[in-house]
């Protein structure tokens, strides 16, 4: 029975771990990456069945050596229009992987993941209590 309880906790902790790892990657690019200004060249709205729609923004920017690159990131619906300037962070070795200043963050997913883990821990506690009491 303890194996099942541990499995429930691990399954509930998986989204939190994935969210934390992705958030760390985003913070690493912002902290160690190069900051520059780019121009939004393309925008595609991605509709989500349940939840809010988001924009997939394609940004063109110049690197320090003068070469032009394009990268994409997600932003809130309607925040950027084609032709708008956008502050971009990128890693010099991977210029296509960008982070938009003012783009989507991981805050809501982090809150949801923590709530899911707390709910699973409470459910395991109550199940264990029920099994021990024989009810």
C-alpha atoms as a PDB file:
ATOM      1  CA  UNK A   1       0.000   0.000   0.000  1.00  0.00           C
ATOM      2  CA  UNK A   2       2.908   2.349   0.735  1.00  0.00           C
ATOM      3  CA  UNK A   3       4.094   1.852  -2.851  1.00  0.00           C
ATOM      4  CA  UNK A   4       0.771   3.161  -4.185  1.00  0.00           C
ATOM      5  CA  UNK A   5       0.915   6.180  -1.866  1.00  0.00           C
ATOM      6  CA  UNK A   6       4.458   6.969  -3.012  1.00  0.00           C
ATOM      7  CA  UNK A   7       3.375   6.600  -6.650  1.00  0.00           C
ATOM      8  CA  UNK A   8       0.511   9.074  -6.140  1.00  0.00           C
ATOM      9  CA  UNK A   9       2.910  11.618  -4.635  1.00  0.00           C
ATOM     10  CA  UNK A  10       5.451  11.126  -7.436  1.00  0.00           C
ATOM     11  CA  UNK A  11       2.815  11.537 -10.144  1.00  0.00           C
ATOM     12  CA  UNK A  12       1.582  14.728  -8.500  1.00  0.00           C
ATOM     13  CA  UNK A  13       5.147  16.043  -8.160  1.00  0.00           C
ATOM     14  CA  UNK A  14       6.009  15.493 -11.846  1.00  0.00           C
ATOM     15  CA  UNK A  15       4.285  18.670 -13.171  1.00  0.00           C
ATOM     16  CA  UNK A  16       5.972  20.704 -10.441  1.00  0.00           C
ATOM     17  CA  UNK A  17       9.384  19.332 -11.401  1.00  0.00           C
ATOM     18  CA  UNK A  18       8.842  20.007 -15.117  1.00  0.00           C
ATOM     19  CA  UNK A  19       7.585  23.541 -14.422  1.00  0.00           C
ATOM     20  CA  UNK A  20      10.513  24.286 -12.121  1.00  0.00           C
ATOM     21  CA  UNK A  21      13.060  23.017 -14.684  1.00  0.00           C
ATOM     22  CA  UNK A  22      11.519  25.113 -17.476  1.00  0.00           C
ATOM     23  CA  UNK A  23      11.379  28.164 -15.214  1.00  0.00           C
ATOM     24  CA  UNK A  24      15.066  27.699 -14.362  1.00  0.00           C
ATOM     25  CA  UNK A  25      15.949  27.551 -18.083  1.00  0.00           C
ATOM     26  CA  UNK A  26      14.021  30.770 -18.698  1.00  0.00           C
ATOM     27  CA  UNK A  27      15.783  32.491 -15.791  1.00  0.00           C
ATOM     28  CA  UNK A  28      19.171  31.233 -17.013  1.00  0.00           C
ATOM     29  CA  UNK A  29      18.616  32.760 -20.459  1.00  0.00           C
ATOM     30  CA  UNK A  30      17.529  36.061 -18.889  1.00  0.00           C
ATOM     31  CA  UNK A  31      20.479  36.091 -16.480  1.00  0.00           C
ATOM     32  CA  UNK A  32      23.304  34.893 -18.765  1.00  0.00           C
ATOM     33  CA  UNK A  33      21.934  35.734 -22.206  1.00  0.00           C
ATOM     34  CA  UNK A  34      22.425  38.762 -24.395  1.00  0.00           C
ATOM     35  CA  UNK A  35      19.744  41.453 -24.270  1.00  0.00           C
ATOM     36  CA  UNK A  36      18.765  43.110 -27.543  1.00  0.00           C
ATOM     37  CA  UNK A  37      15.801  44.688 -29.264  1.00  0.00           C
ATOM     38  CA  UNK A  38      14.035  42.962 -32.118  1.00  0.00           C
ATOM     39  CA  UNK A  39      10.986  43.497 -34.288  1.00  0.00           C
ATOM     40  CA  UNK A  40       7.904  41.276 -34.367  1.00  0.00           C
ATOM     41  CA  UNK A  41       7.746  39.915 -37.920  1.00  0.00           C
ATOM     42  CA  UNK A  42       5.038  37.295 -37.581  1.00  0.00           C
ATOM     43  CA  UNK A  43       2.295  36.392 -35.150  1.00  0.00           C
ATOM     44  CA  UNK A  44       0.136  33.305 -34.981  1.00  0.00           C
ATOM     45  CA  UNK A  45      -2.709  32.984 -32.476  1.00  0.00           C
ATOM     46  CA  UNK A  46      -2.893  29.604 -30.850  1.00  0.00           C
ATOM     47  CA  UNK A  47      -6.401  28.842 -29.653  1.00  0.00           C
ATOM     48  CA  UNK A  48      -6.754  26.640 -26.609  1.00  0.00           C
ATOM     49  CA  UNK A  49      -9.994  24.695 -26.118  1.00  0.00           C
ATOM     50  CA  UNK A  50     -10.201  25.258 -22.386  1.00  0.00           C
ATOM     51  CA  UNK A  51      -8.368  28.339 -21.262  1.00  0.00           C
ATOM     52  CA  UNK A  52      -6.999  31.474 -22.788  1.00  0.00           C
ATOM     53  CA  UNK A  53      -5.577  31.832 -26.269  1.00  0.00           C
ATOM     54  CA  UNK A  54      -1.951  32.853 -26.720  1.00  0.00           C
ATOM     55  CA  UNK A  55       0.162  34.334 -29.496  1.00  0.00           C
ATOM     56  CA  UNK A  56       3.207  32.631 -30.968  1.00  0.00           C
ATOM     57  CA  UNK A  57       5.430  35.616 -31.752  1.00  0.00           C
ATOM     58  CA  UNK A  58       8.281  35.443 -34.259  1.00  0.00           C
ATOM     59  CA  UNK A  59      10.928  38.104 -33.605  1.00  0.00           C
ATOM     60  CA  UNK A  60      13.778  39.142 -35.862  1.00  0.00           C
ATOM     61  CA  UNK A  61      16.840  40.607 -34.150  1.00  0.00           C
ATOM     62  CA  UNK A  62      20.473  41.450 -34.831  1.00  0.00           C
ATOM     63  CA  UNK A  63      23.296  39.861 -32.936  1.00  0.00           C
ATOM     64  CA  UNK A  64      26.419  41.700 -31.883  1.00  0.00           C
ATOM     65  CA  UNK A  65      28.286  40.476 -34.989  1.00  0.00           C
ATOM     66  CA  UNK A  66      25.627  42.014 -37.271  1.00  0.00           C
ATOM     67  CA  UNK A  67      23.955  38.778 -38.337  1.00  0.00           C
ATOM     68  CA  UNK A  68      20.154  38.634 -38.322  1.00  0.00           C
ATOM     69  CA  UNK A  69      18.299  35.839 -36.562  1.00  0.00           C
ATOM     70  CA  UNK A  70      14.714  34.867 -35.930  1.00  0.00           C
ATOM     71  CA  UNK A  71      13.319  33.219 -32.868  1.00  0.00           C
ATOM     72  CA  UNK A  72       9.868  32.576 -31.480  1.00  0.00           C
ATOM     73  CA  UNK A  73       8.262  32.815 -28.077  1.00  0.00           C
ATOM     74  CA  UNK A  74       4.775  32.881 -26.606  1.00  0.00           C
ATOM     75  CA  UNK A  75       3.049  36.013 -25.357  1.00  0.00           C
ATOM     76  CA  UNK A  76      -0.349  37.017 -24.039  1.00  0.00           C
ATOM     77  CA  UNK A  77      -3.037  37.415 -26.686  1.00  0.00           C
ATOM     78  CA  UNK A  78      -2.835  40.848 -28.338  1.00  0.00           C
ATOM     79  CA  UNK A  79       0.213  42.069 -26.403  1.00  0.00           C
ATOM     80  CA  UNK A  80       2.375  42.397 -29.537  1.00  0.00           C
ATOM     81  CA  UNK A  81       1.488  43.381 -33.090  1.00  0.00           C
ATOM     82  CA  UNK A  82       3.520  42.876 -36.250  1.00  0.00           C
ATOM     83  CA  UNK A  83       6.116  45.650 -36.453  1.00  0.00           C
ATOM     84  CA  UNK A  84       6.245  46.278 -32.691  1.00  0.00           C
ATOM     85  CA  UNK A  85       9.655  46.387 -30.995  1.00  0.00           C
ATOM     86  CA  UNK A  86      10.321  43.607 -28.494  1.00  0.00           C
ATOM     87  CA  UNK A  87      13.075  43.162 -25.941  1.00  0.00           C
ATOM     88  CA  UNK A  88      14.692  39.780 -26.470  1.00  0.00           C
ATOM     89  CA  UNK A  89      17.143  37.696 -24.463  1.00  0.00           C
ATOM     90  CA  UNK A  90      19.090  34.945 -26.255  1.00  0.00           C
ATOM     91  CA  UNK A  91      22.070  32.700 -25.705  1.00  0.00           C
ATOM     92  CA  UNK A  92      24.906  33.356 -28.198  1.00  0.00           C
ATOM     93  CA  UNK A  93      25.318  29.646 -28.960  1.00  0.00           C
ATOM     94  CA  UNK A  94      21.556  29.189 -29.563  1.00  0.00           C
ATOM     95  CA  UNK A  95      20.207  32.428 -31.050  1.00  0.00           C
ATOM     96  CA  UNK A  96      16.920  30.851 -32.187  1.00  0.00           C
ATOM     97  CA  UNK A  97      15.959  30.120 -28.566  1.00  0.00           C
ATOM     98  CA  UNK A  98      14.707  33.429 -27.182  1.00  0.00           C
ATOM     99  CA  UNK A  99      12.909  34.782 -24.152  1.00  0.00           C
ATOM    100  CA  UNK A 100      10.664  37.813 -24.566  1.00  0.00           C
ATOM    101  CA  UNK A 101      10.623  40.487 -21.920  1.00  0.00           C
ATOM    102  CA  UNK A 102       6.947  40.585 -21.008  1.00  0.00           C
ATOM    103  CA  UNK A 103       6.260  37.161 -22.489  1.00  0.00           C
ATOM    104  CA  UNK A 104       4.429  34.340 -20.772  1.00  0.00           C
ATOM    105  CA  UNK A 105       5.824  33.223 -17.452  1.00  0.00           C
ATOM    106  CA  UNK A 106       5.438  30.073 -15.404  1.00  0.00           C
ATOM    107  CA  UNK A 107       3.647  31.634 -12.409  1.00  0.00           C
ATOM    108  CA  UNK A 108       0.149  30.198 -12.972  1.00  0.00           C
ATOM    109  CA  UNK A 109       1.506  26.726 -13.754  1.00  0.00           C
ATOM    110  CA  UNK A 110       3.747  26.844 -10.689  1.00  0.00           C
ATOM    111  CA  UNK A 111       0.771  27.705  -8.459  1.00  0.00           C
ATOM    112  CA  UNK A 112      -1.319  24.941 -10.020  1.00  0.00           C
ATOM    113  CA  UNK A 113       1.498  22.391  -9.609  1.00  0.00           C
ATOM    114  CA  UNK A 114       1.997  23.238  -5.936  1.00  0.00           C
ATOM    115  CA  UNK A 115      -1.768  23.030  -5.322  1.00  0.00           C
ATOM    116  CA  UNK A 116      -1.879  19.638  -7.074  1.00  0.00           C
ATOM    117  CA  UNK A 117       0.983  18.324  -4.933  1.00  0.00           C
ATOM    118  CA  UNK A 118      -0.664  19.572  -1.721  1.00  0.00           C
ATOM    119  CA  UNK A 119      -3.974  17.996  -2.733  1.00  0.00           C
ATOM    120  CA  UNK A 120      -2.261  14.667  -3.470  1.00  0.00           C
ATOM    121  CA  UNK A 121      -0.404  14.770  -0.138  1.00  0.00           C
ATOM    122  CA  UNK A 122      -3.661  15.439   1.719  1.00  0.00           C
ATOM    123  CA  UNK A 123      -5.416  12.633  -0.191  1.00  0.00           C
ATOM    124  CA  UNK A 124      -2.620  10.184   0.661  1.00  0.00           C
ATOM    125  CA  UNK A 125      -2.777  11.240   4.306  1.00  0.00           C
ATOM    126  CA  UNK A 126      -6.542  10.653   4.420  1.00  0.00           C
ATOM    127  CA  UNK A 127      -6.268   7.331   2.562  1.00  0.00           C
ATOM    128  CA  UNK A 128      -3.560   6.144   4.947  1.00  0.00           C
ATOM    129  CA  UNK A 129      -5.703   7.189   7.912  1.00  0.00           C
ATOM    130  CA  UNK A 130      -8.659   5.284   6.461  1.00  0.00           C
ATOM    131  CA  UNK A 131      -6.597   2.135   5.808  1.00  0.00           C
ATOM    132  CA  UNK A 132      -5.138   2.157   9.340  1.00  0.00           C
ATOM    133  CA  UNK A 133      -8.544   2.558  10.961  1.00  0.00           C
ATOM    134  CA  UNK A 134      -9.976  -0.253   8.840  1.00  0.00           C
ATOM    135  CA  UNK A 135     -12.800   1.875   7.457  1.00  0.00           C
END
